[in-house]
Structure formats: structure tokens, C-alpha cells
């Protein structure tokens, strides 16, 4: 019984114009952010996984399976060393709008607007 606690019913929430205004912006933005997170390679860097073209190199054509029962950490270290790339040279001149800037702002803007709308709804009901 949603009326006894003062909560709005689910049907009332999803038929609200405010709900659709907020979610018509945040849901596509989050989908775009997820796409950018993977397509820019940031997901691979954050989680330390190799990119799809780095699984099989010229020097390593086999599947990296851990087969030793007594030295699995050594094998894991060996596999992770083979996935690491040499550090790139750092260019200190940055353009104003980069893919990283867009990804951060595509994530931050909907999150802030969503948190703002939640806090606004809490103050409206009081």
C-alpha cells in the first residue's frame, strides 16, 4: 500500500512529465558515456585488461592459461608483463576539448543533474 507511507505510486511516477524530462536526458547520456568509456580505451586502461588486438602478439600465439598448481602467481605475473606496453612520451600541449574531457563531462553532468533532481524532490515534499 503505497499511500499509507506518503510515497507516490509507481504509475504516478512514470506518468510524470518531470520523470521523462530527467530520464530522457540521463539515460541516453549514460549510454553515450559507456560507449565512449570502451571506445576510447579508457576501460582497458582502468581495469588493466588487454585490448582486443593485444591478446595474441607475434611472440605469443598461445592461449594464456595458468597450468601450474604451485606457482600460479609467477605465471600470472609473466602473463601481465607480456600485456604491458612501453610508456609513451608525454606531450604537454593539450587541446581544449579532448575525448577524455567529453567523457568526464558526459558522466558528470547527468550525475549532477540527477542528484540535484533527487534532492529537489526531497525538499519539495517537505
N, C-alpha and C. Protein backbone atom coordinates (compact mmCIF):
# COMPACT_ATOMS: atom_id res chain seq x y z
N UNK A 1 0.84 -1.17 0.00
CA UNK A 1 0.00 0.00 0.00
C UNK A 1 0.88 1.24 0.00
N UNK A 2 1.02 1.88 -1.12
CA UNK A 2 1.95 2.99 -1.21
C UNK A 2 1.39 4.27 -0.60
N UNK A 3 0.10 4.41 -0.49
CA UNK A 3 -0.47 5.63 0.04
C UNK A 3 -0.30 5.80 1.53
N UNK A 4 -0.12 4.73 2.26
CA UNK A 4 -0.05 4.83 3.71
C UNK A 4 1.26 5.47 4.19
N UNK A 5 2.33 5.36 3.46
CA UNK A 5 3.61 5.95 3.87
C UNK A 5 3.86 7.30 3.22
N UNK A 6 3.00 7.74 2.37
CA UNK A 6 3.18 9.02 1.71
C UNK A 6 3.96 8.93 0.42
N UNK A 7 4.34 7.74 0.00
CA UNK A 7 5.08 7.57 -1.24
C UNK A 7 4.14 7.63 -2.43
N UNK A 8 4.68 8.09 -3.54
CA UNK A 8 3.89 8.12 -4.77
C UNK A 8 3.86 6.74 -5.38
N UNK A 9 2.78 6.42 -6.05
CA UNK A 9 2.69 5.12 -6.70
C UNK A 9 3.61 5.10 -7.93
N UNK A 10 3.98 3.89 -8.33
CA UNK A 10 4.87 3.74 -9.48
C UNK A 10 4.21 4.30 -10.75
N UNK A 11 2.92 4.06 -10.91
CA UNK A 11 2.20 4.57 -12.09
C UNK A 11 2.21 6.10 -12.10
N UNK A 12 2.11 6.70 -10.94
CA UNK A 12 2.13 8.16 -10.85
C UNK A 12 3.51 8.71 -11.21
N UNK A 13 4.55 7.99 -10.81
CA UNK A 13 5.92 8.44 -11.10
C UNK A 13 6.22 8.36 -12.60
N UNK A 14 5.91 7.22 -13.23
CA UNK A 14 6.29 7.07 -14.64
C UNK A 14 5.38 7.86 -15.58
N UNK A 15 4.25 8.35 -15.11
CA UNK A 15 3.42 9.20 -15.97
C UNK A 15 3.71 10.68 -15.73
N UNK A 16 4.65 10.98 -14.84
CA UNK A 16 5.01 12.36 -14.55
C UNK A 16 5.89 12.93 -15.67
N UNK A 17 5.64 14.17 -16.03
CA UNK A 17 6.45 14.83 -17.06
C UNK A 17 7.87 15.03 -16.55
N UNK A 18 8.02 15.35 -15.26
CA UNK A 18 9.35 15.55 -14.68
C UNK A 18 10.20 14.30 -14.82
N UNK A 19 9.60 13.14 -14.61
CA UNK A 19 10.32 11.87 -14.75
C UNK A 19 10.88 11.72 -16.15
N UNK A 20 10.07 11.98 -17.16
CA UNK A 20 10.51 11.78 -18.54
C UNK A 20 11.49 12.85 -18.98
N UNK A 21 11.37 14.08 -18.46
CA UNK A 21 12.35 15.12 -18.80
C UNK A 21 13.72 14.73 -18.25
N UNK A 22 13.76 14.29 -17.00
CA UNK A 22 15.04 13.91 -16.39
C UNK A 22 15.63 12.70 -17.09
N UNK A 23 14.83 11.68 -17.30
CA UNK A 23 15.35 10.43 -17.83
C UNK A 23 15.58 10.46 -19.34
N UNK A 24 14.94 11.36 -20.05
CA UNK A 24 15.22 11.47 -21.48
C UNK A 24 16.60 12.08 -21.72
N UNK A 25 17.15 12.72 -20.71
CA UNK A 25 18.50 13.27 -20.80
C UNK A 25 19.52 12.31 -20.21
N UNK A 26 19.23 11.78 -19.02
CA UNK A 26 20.25 10.99 -18.31
C UNK A 26 20.48 9.63 -18.93
N UNK A 27 19.44 8.94 -19.36
CA UNK A 27 19.63 7.58 -19.89
C UNK A 27 20.45 7.59 -21.18
N UNK A 28 20.12 8.42 -22.18
CA UNK A 28 20.99 8.46 -23.36
C UNK A 28 22.40 8.94 -23.05
N UNK A 29 22.54 9.87 -22.10
CA UNK A 29 23.88 10.35 -21.73
C UNK A 29 24.71 9.23 -21.13
N UNK A 30 24.10 8.42 -20.28
CA UNK A 30 24.84 7.31 -19.68
C UNK A 30 25.20 6.26 -20.72
N UNK A 31 24.33 6.05 -21.70
CA UNK A 31 24.66 5.11 -22.77
C UNK A 31 25.84 5.63 -23.60
N UNK A 32 25.83 6.93 -23.88
CA UNK A 32 26.93 7.53 -24.65
C UNK A 32 28.23 7.47 -23.85
N UNK A 33 28.15 7.71 -22.53
CA UNK A 33 29.34 7.64 -21.69
C UNK A 33 29.91 6.23 -21.68
N UNK A 34 29.05 5.23 -21.57
CA UNK A 34 29.52 3.85 -21.60
C UNK A 34 30.19 3.52 -22.91
N UNK A 35 29.60 3.99 -24.00
CA UNK A 35 30.19 3.74 -25.32
C UNK A 35 31.55 4.42 -25.43
N UNK A 36 31.65 5.67 -24.96
CA UNK A 36 32.92 6.39 -25.00
C UNK A 36 33.96 5.74 -24.09
N UNK A 37 33.52 5.25 -22.94
CA UNK A 37 34.42 4.62 -21.98
C UNK A 37 35.13 3.42 -22.60
N UNK A 38 34.40 2.65 -23.40
CA UNK A 38 35.01 1.48 -24.03
C UNK A 38 35.71 1.87 -25.33
N UNK A 39 35.10 2.72 -26.14
CA UNK A 39 35.67 3.01 -27.46
C UNK A 39 36.97 3.82 -27.38
N UNK A 40 37.15 4.62 -26.34
CA UNK A 40 38.38 5.39 -26.20
C UNK A 40 39.52 4.56 -25.62
N UNK A 41 39.21 3.39 -25.10
CA UNK A 41 40.23 2.55 -24.50
C UNK A 41 40.44 2.82 -23.02
N UNK A 42 39.68 3.75 -22.47
CA UNK A 42 39.82 4.07 -21.06
C UNK A 42 39.42 2.89 -20.18
N UNK A 43 38.45 2.12 -20.61
CA UNK A 43 38.03 0.94 -19.83
C UNK A 43 39.15 -0.07 -19.74
N UNK A 44 39.89 -0.25 -20.83
CA UNK A 44 41.01 -1.19 -20.81
C UNK A 44 42.11 -0.70 -19.88
N UNK A 45 42.36 0.61 -19.86
CA UNK A 45 43.40 1.17 -19.00
C UNK A 45 43.00 1.12 -17.53
N UNK A 46 41.73 1.40 -17.24
CA UNK A 46 41.27 1.42 -15.85
C UNK A 46 41.32 0.03 -15.24
N UNK A 47 40.85 -0.97 -15.98
CA UNK A 47 40.77 -2.32 -15.44
C UNK A 47 42.00 -3.16 -15.76
N UNK A 48 42.93 -2.62 -16.53
CA UNK A 48 44.18 -3.33 -16.80
C UNK A 48 44.05 -4.53 -17.72
N UNK A 49 42.99 -4.59 -18.49
CA UNK A 49 42.84 -5.73 -19.40
C UNK A 49 43.42 -5.36 -20.77
N UNK A 50 43.89 -6.34 -21.50
CA UNK A 50 44.47 -6.04 -22.82
C UNK A 50 43.38 -5.67 -23.82
N UNK A 51 43.74 -4.86 -24.77
CA UNK A 51 42.80 -4.51 -25.84
C UNK A 51 42.61 -5.72 -26.74
N UNK A 52 41.53 -5.75 -27.52
CA UNK A 52 41.26 -6.93 -28.34
C UNK A 52 42.38 -7.31 -29.29
N UNK A 53 43.15 -6.35 -29.77
CA UNK A 53 44.24 -6.68 -30.69
C UNK A 53 45.53 -7.04 -29.97
N UNK A 54 45.53 -7.08 -28.64
CA UNK A 54 46.74 -7.39 -27.88
C UNK A 54 46.72 -8.78 -27.24
N UNK A 55 45.69 -9.55 -27.45
CA UNK A 55 45.64 -10.88 -26.84
C UNK A 55 46.69 -11.80 -27.46
N UNK A 56 46.79 -11.77 -28.79
CA UNK A 56 47.75 -12.62 -29.48
C UNK A 56 48.73 -11.73 -30.22
N UNK A 57 49.99 -11.78 -29.82
CA UNK A 57 51.03 -10.98 -30.45
C UNK A 57 51.91 -11.89 -31.29
N UNK A 58 52.91 -11.31 -31.94
CA UNK A 58 53.85 -12.11 -32.73
C UNK A 58 54.62 -13.09 -31.86
N UNK A 59 54.99 -12.66 -30.67
CA UNK A 59 55.79 -13.53 -29.80
C UNK A 59 54.94 -14.52 -29.00
N UNK A 60 53.66 -14.23 -28.83
CA UNK A 60 52.82 -15.11 -28.03
C UNK A 60 51.54 -15.43 -28.80
N UNK A 61 51.47 -16.62 -29.36
CA UNK A 61 50.30 -17.03 -30.12
C UNK A 61 49.41 -18.01 -29.36
N UNK A 62 49.86 -18.49 -28.23
CA UNK A 62 49.08 -19.45 -27.45
C UNK A 62 48.12 -18.76 -26.50
N UNK A 63 47.19 -19.54 -25.97
CA UNK A 63 46.23 -19.02 -25.00
C UNK A 63 46.92 -18.92 -23.64
N UNK A 64 46.82 -17.78 -22.95
CA UNK A 64 47.50 -17.64 -21.66
C UNK A 64 46.74 -18.36 -20.54
N UNK A 65 46.98 -19.65 -20.40
CA UNK A 65 46.34 -20.44 -19.35
C UNK A 65 47.30 -20.64 -18.19
N UNK A 66 46.77 -20.60 -16.99
CA UNK A 66 47.57 -20.90 -15.81
C UNK A 66 47.49 -22.39 -15.58
N UNK A 67 48.63 -23.07 -15.71
CA UNK A 67 48.64 -24.53 -15.62
C UNK A 67 49.36 -25.04 -14.38
N UNK A 68 50.18 -24.23 -13.75
CA UNK A 68 50.94 -24.69 -12.60
C UNK A 68 50.13 -24.61 -11.32
N UNK A 69 50.15 -25.66 -10.54
CA UNK A 69 49.42 -25.67 -9.27
C UNK A 69 50.21 -25.00 -8.16
N UNK A 70 51.54 -24.98 -8.28
CA UNK A 70 52.38 -24.49 -7.20
C UNK A 70 52.94 -23.10 -7.47
N UNK A 71 52.85 -22.60 -8.70
CA UNK A 71 53.37 -21.27 -9.00
C UNK A 71 52.40 -20.46 -9.85
N UNK A 72 51.13 -20.35 -9.47
CA UNK A 72 50.19 -19.59 -10.30
C UNK A 72 50.48 -18.09 -10.31
N UNK A 73 50.98 -17.55 -9.20
CA UNK A 73 51.28 -16.12 -9.17
C UNK A 73 52.42 -15.76 -10.10
N UNK A 74 53.40 -16.62 -10.20
CA UNK A 74 54.51 -16.36 -11.12
C UNK A 74 54.02 -16.38 -12.57
N UNK A 75 53.16 -17.34 -12.89
CA UNK A 75 52.61 -17.39 -14.26
C UNK A 75 51.75 -16.16 -14.53
N UNK A 76 50.96 -15.74 -13.55
CA UNK A 76 50.12 -14.57 -13.72
C UNK A 76 50.96 -13.32 -13.93
N UNK A 77 52.04 -13.18 -13.18
CA UNK A 77 52.95 -12.04 -13.38
C UNK A 77 53.58 -12.07 -14.76
N UNK A 78 53.93 -13.25 -15.22
CA UNK A 78 54.52 -13.39 -16.56
C UNK A 78 53.52 -12.98 -17.64
N UNK A 79 52.27 -13.39 -17.49
CA UNK A 79 51.24 -13.01 -18.47
C UNK A 79 50.99 -11.51 -18.43
N UNK A 80 50.92 -10.93 -17.23
CA UNK A 80 50.64 -9.50 -17.15
C UNK A 80 51.81 -8.68 -17.69
N UNK A 81 53.06 -9.16 -17.53
CA UNK A 81 54.20 -8.45 -18.11
C UNK A 81 54.14 -8.46 -19.63
N UNK A 82 53.61 -9.53 -20.21
CA UNK A 82 53.54 -9.60 -21.67
C UNK A 82 52.46 -8.68 -22.23
N UNK A 83 51.50 -8.24 -21.39
CA UNK A 83 50.44 -7.35 -21.86
C UNK A 83 50.80 -5.88 -21.71
N UNK A 84 51.78 -5.57 -20.89
CA UNK A 84 52.13 -4.17 -20.65
C UNK A 84 52.80 -3.56 -21.87
N UNK A 85 52.44 -2.29 -22.11
CA UNK A 85 53.02 -1.54 -23.21
C UNK A 85 54.12 -0.61 -22.67
N UNK A 86 55.10 -0.28 -23.48
CA UNK A 86 56.11 0.68 -23.01
C UNK A 86 55.45 2.05 -22.82
N UNK A 87 55.95 2.84 -21.88
CA UNK A 87 55.35 4.15 -21.65
C UNK A 87 55.53 5.06 -22.86
N UNK A 88 54.50 5.87 -23.10
CA UNK A 88 54.54 6.79 -24.23
C UNK A 88 55.23 8.09 -23.81
N UNK A 89 55.73 8.82 -24.79
CA UNK A 89 56.29 10.13 -24.50
C UNK A 89 55.14 11.07 -24.19
N UNK A 90 55.35 11.97 -23.27
CA UNK A 90 54.29 12.85 -22.81
C UNK A 90 54.39 14.18 -23.54
N UNK A 91 53.32 14.56 -24.19
CA UNK A 91 53.21 15.85 -24.85
C UNK A 91 52.42 16.77 -23.92
N UNK A 92 53.01 17.87 -23.50
CA UNK A 92 52.37 18.74 -22.51
C UNK A 92 51.43 19.77 -23.12
N UNK A 93 51.23 19.77 -24.40
CA UNK A 93 50.28 20.68 -25.01
C UNK A 93 48.96 19.94 -25.19
N UNK A 94 47.94 20.41 -24.53
CA UNK A 94 46.65 19.74 -24.55
C UNK A 94 45.62 20.58 -25.31
N UNK A 95 44.83 19.94 -26.15
CA UNK A 95 43.73 20.68 -26.77
C UNK A 95 42.64 20.94 -25.73
N UNK A 96 41.78 21.89 -26.00
CA UNK A 96 40.73 22.23 -25.04
C UNK A 96 39.74 21.09 -24.88
N UNK A 97 39.20 20.59 -25.98
CA UNK A 97 38.22 19.53 -25.93
C UNK A 97 38.88 18.22 -26.37
N UNK A 98 39.04 17.33 -25.44
CA UNK A 98 39.58 16.01 -25.76
C UNK A 98 38.49 14.98 -25.53
N UNK A 99 38.74 13.77 -25.96
CA UNK A 99 37.78 12.70 -25.73
C UNK A 99 37.62 12.46 -24.24
N UNK A 100 38.71 12.55 -23.50
CA UNK A 100 38.62 12.37 -22.04
C UNK A 100 37.77 13.47 -21.42
N UNK A 101 37.94 14.72 -21.87
CA UNK A 101 37.14 15.82 -21.34
C UNK A 101 35.67 15.57 -21.61
N UNK A 102 35.36 15.14 -22.85
CA UNK A 102 33.96 14.86 -23.17
C UNK A 102 33.41 13.72 -22.34
N UNK A 103 34.21 12.66 -22.14
CA UNK A 103 33.74 11.52 -21.36
C UNK A 103 33.48 11.92 -19.91
N UNK A 104 34.38 12.71 -19.33
CA UNK A 104 34.19 13.13 -17.94
C UNK A 104 32.95 14.00 -17.82
N UNK A 105 32.76 14.93 -18.74
CA UNK A 105 31.61 15.82 -18.64
C UNK A 105 30.31 15.13 -19.02
N UNK A 106 30.36 14.16 -19.91
CA UNK A 106 29.16 13.39 -20.21
C UNK A 106 28.73 12.57 -19.01
N UNK A 107 29.67 12.20 -18.18
CA UNK A 107 29.34 11.45 -16.97
C UNK A 107 28.95 12.38 -15.83
N UNK A 108 29.65 13.49 -15.70
CA UNK A 108 29.43 14.38 -14.56
C UNK A 108 28.12 15.14 -14.67
N UNK A 109 27.80 15.64 -15.84
CA UNK A 109 26.61 16.47 -16.00
C UNK A 109 25.33 15.70 -15.69
N UNK A 110 25.11 14.50 -16.26
CA UNK A 110 23.89 13.78 -15.89
C UNK A 110 23.87 13.35 -14.43
N UNK A 111 25.02 13.00 -13.88
CA UNK A 111 25.06 12.59 -12.48
C UNK A 111 24.68 13.75 -11.58
N UNK A 112 25.24 14.91 -11.85
CA UNK A 112 24.93 16.08 -11.03
C UNK A 112 23.47 16.49 -11.20
N UNK A 113 22.95 16.45 -12.42
CA UNK A 113 21.55 16.82 -12.62
C UNK A 113 20.63 15.80 -11.96
N UNK A 114 21.01 14.52 -12.01
CA UNK A 114 20.19 13.50 -11.37
C UNK A 114 20.20 13.67 -9.85
N UNK A 115 21.37 13.90 -9.26
CA UNK A 115 21.44 14.12 -7.82
C UNK A 115 20.71 15.40 -7.42
N UNK A 116 20.83 16.42 -8.25
CA UNK A 116 20.10 17.66 -7.98
C UNK A 116 18.61 17.48 -8.03
N UNK A 117 18.14 16.68 -8.99
CA UNK A 117 16.70 16.46 -9.09
C UNK A 117 16.19 15.63 -7.92
N UNK A 118 17.00 14.66 -7.47
CA UNK A 118 16.58 13.86 -6.31
C UNK A 118 16.50 14.74 -5.06
N UNK A 119 17.51 15.57 -4.85
CA UNK A 119 17.48 16.44 -3.66
C UNK A 119 16.36 17.46 -3.77
N UNK A 120 16.08 17.94 -4.97
CA UNK A 120 14.98 18.87 -5.15
C UNK A 120 13.66 18.22 -4.81
N UNK A 121 13.47 16.97 -5.24
CA UNK A 121 12.22 16.27 -4.95
C UNK A 121 12.06 16.05 -3.45
N UNK A 122 13.17 15.84 -2.74
CA UNK A 122 13.08 15.65 -1.29
C UNK A 122 12.63 16.94 -0.60
N UNK A 123 13.13 18.09 -1.08
CA UNK A 123 12.75 19.35 -0.46
C UNK A 123 11.33 19.77 -0.85
N UNK A 124 10.87 19.38 -2.03
CA UNK A 124 9.52 19.74 -2.46
C UNK A 124 8.49 19.03 -1.60
N UNK A 125 8.74 17.79 -1.25
CA UNK A 125 7.76 17.02 -0.49
C UNK A 125 7.68 17.44 0.97
N UNK A 126 8.65 18.19 1.48
CA UNK A 126 8.64 18.58 2.91
C UNK A 126 7.91 19.84 3.15
